[in-house]
Amino acid sequence: MEAKEWVAREVARVRTDSLAEGREEGREEGLSIGRRDDMTLALAILNDIPKLIAANKTHEEIITTLVAKYNIDQDQAESYYEQVMALRA
């Protein structure tokens, strides 16, 4: 194998290894951002529910508001609502 061919192969190997490492780092960073965003969303929702209760909103109105405002499904909204109500008991 000539020196040029060896260098070309080594460069290709290093690039491939670097891309793999970069993808893994990017994946971890993306997961971290996702976890942080989910926590921020959860805190915002849990903060809004008592305000909606204080505004004399019904259970159905609160669920509808959460679904529309936070783009979550009804089961998620119910879960958050139940968590807040359990804390209030």
Protein backbone atom coordinates (compact mmCIF):
# COMPACT_ATOMS: atom_id res chain seq x y z
CA MET A 1 0.00 0.00 0.00
CA GLU A 2 1.38 3.38 -0.96
CA ALA A 3 1.70 6.17 1.53
CA LYS A 4 -0.99 8.26 -0.24
CA GLU A 5 -3.47 5.42 -0.08
CA TRP A 6 -2.69 4.79 3.60
CA VAL A 7 -3.16 8.48 4.44
CA ALA A 8 -6.45 8.60 2.52
CA ARG A 9 -7.75 5.56 4.44
CA GLU A 10 -6.66 7.01 7.79
CA VAL A 11 -8.33 10.33 7.02
CA ALA A 12 -11.54 8.52 6.07
CA ARG A 13 -11.40 6.45 9.29
CA VAL A 14 -10.86 9.53 11.47
CA ARG A 15 -13.74 11.33 9.76
CA THR A 16 -16.03 8.35 10.28
CA ASP A 17 -15.05 8.10 13.95
CA SER A 18 -15.56 11.84 14.44
CA LEU A 19 -19.00 11.74 12.86
CA ALA A 20 -20.02 8.84 15.09
CA GLU A 21 -18.84 10.72 18.19
CA GLY A 22 -20.58 13.89 17.02
CA ARG A 23 -23.85 12.05 16.45
CA GLU A 24 -23.68 10.54 19.94
CA GLU A 25 -22.93 13.92 21.52
CA GLY A 26 -25.73 15.51 19.50
CA ARG A 27 -28.15 12.80 20.55
CA GLU A 28 -27.27 13.28 24.23
CA GLU A 29 -27.61 17.05 23.91
CA GLY A 30 -30.98 16.64 22.21
CA LEU A 31 -32.18 14.33 24.96
CA SER A 32 -31.01 16.81 27.58
CA ILE A 33 -32.86 19.65 25.87
CA GLY A 34 -35.96 17.49 25.58
CA ARG A 35 -35.87 16.63 29.28
CA ARG A 36 -35.42 20.28 30.18
CA ASP A 37 -38.25 21.34 27.86
CA ASP A 38 -40.56 18.67 29.29
CA MET A 39 -39.79 19.84 32.82
CA THR A 40 -40.43 23.45 31.87
CA LEU A 41 -43.74 22.47 30.27
CA ALA A 42 -44.78 20.43 33.30
CA LEU A 43 -43.98 23.28 35.68
CA ALA A 44 -45.93 25.75 33.56
CA ILE A 45 -48.96 23.47 33.47
CA LEU A 46 -48.81 22.73 37.18
CA ASN A 47 -48.55 26.46 37.84
CA ASP A 48 -51.57 27.28 35.65
CA ILE A 49 -54.01 24.79 37.13
CA PRO A 50 -54.37 26.53 40.53
CA LYS A 51 -54.89 29.83 38.71
CA LEU A 52 -57.67 28.28 36.63
CA ILE A 53 -59.23 26.82 39.78
CA ALA A 54 -59.06 30.23 41.46
CA ALA A 55 -60.81 31.69 38.40
CA ASN A 56 -63.72 29.31 39.13
CA LYS A 57 -63.17 27.25 35.99
CA THR A 58 -64.86 23.86 35.94
CA HIS A 59 -62.93 20.63 35.60
CA GLU A 60 -63.93 20.39 31.94
CA GLU A 61 -62.92 23.99 31.25
CA ILE A 62 -59.52 23.43 32.88
CA ILE A 63 -58.85 20.29 30.84
CA THR A 64 -59.97 22.01 27.62
CA THR A 65 -57.74 25.01 28.38
CA LEU A 66 -54.69 22.84 29.08
CA VAL A 67 -55.19 20.79 25.93
CA ALA A 68 -55.51 23.90 23.77
CA LYS A 69 -52.84 26.03 25.43
CA TYR A 70 -50.13 23.41 25.81
CA ASN A 71 -50.94 21.14 22.87
CA ILE A 72 -51.19 18.04 25.08
CA ASP A 73 -53.73 15.26 24.92
CA GLN A 74 -56.66 14.95 27.29
CA ASP A 75 -55.09 12.10 29.28
CA GLN A 76 -52.00 14.20 29.98
CA ALA A 77 -54.16 17.14 31.04
CA GLU A 78 -56.15 14.87 33.36
CA SER A 79 -52.93 13.54 34.88
CA TYR A 80 -51.65 17.03 35.65
CA TYR A 81 -55.03 18.03 37.05
CA GLU A 82 -55.10 14.96 39.33
CA GLN A 83 -51.57 15.73 40.58
CA VAL A 84 -52.56 19.25 41.56
CA MET A 85 -55.78 18.09 43.20
CA ALA A 86 -53.87 15.46 45.20
CA LEU A 87 -51.53 18.16 46.50
CA ARG A 88 -54.47 20.32 47.50
CA ALA A 89 -56.13 17.54 49.53
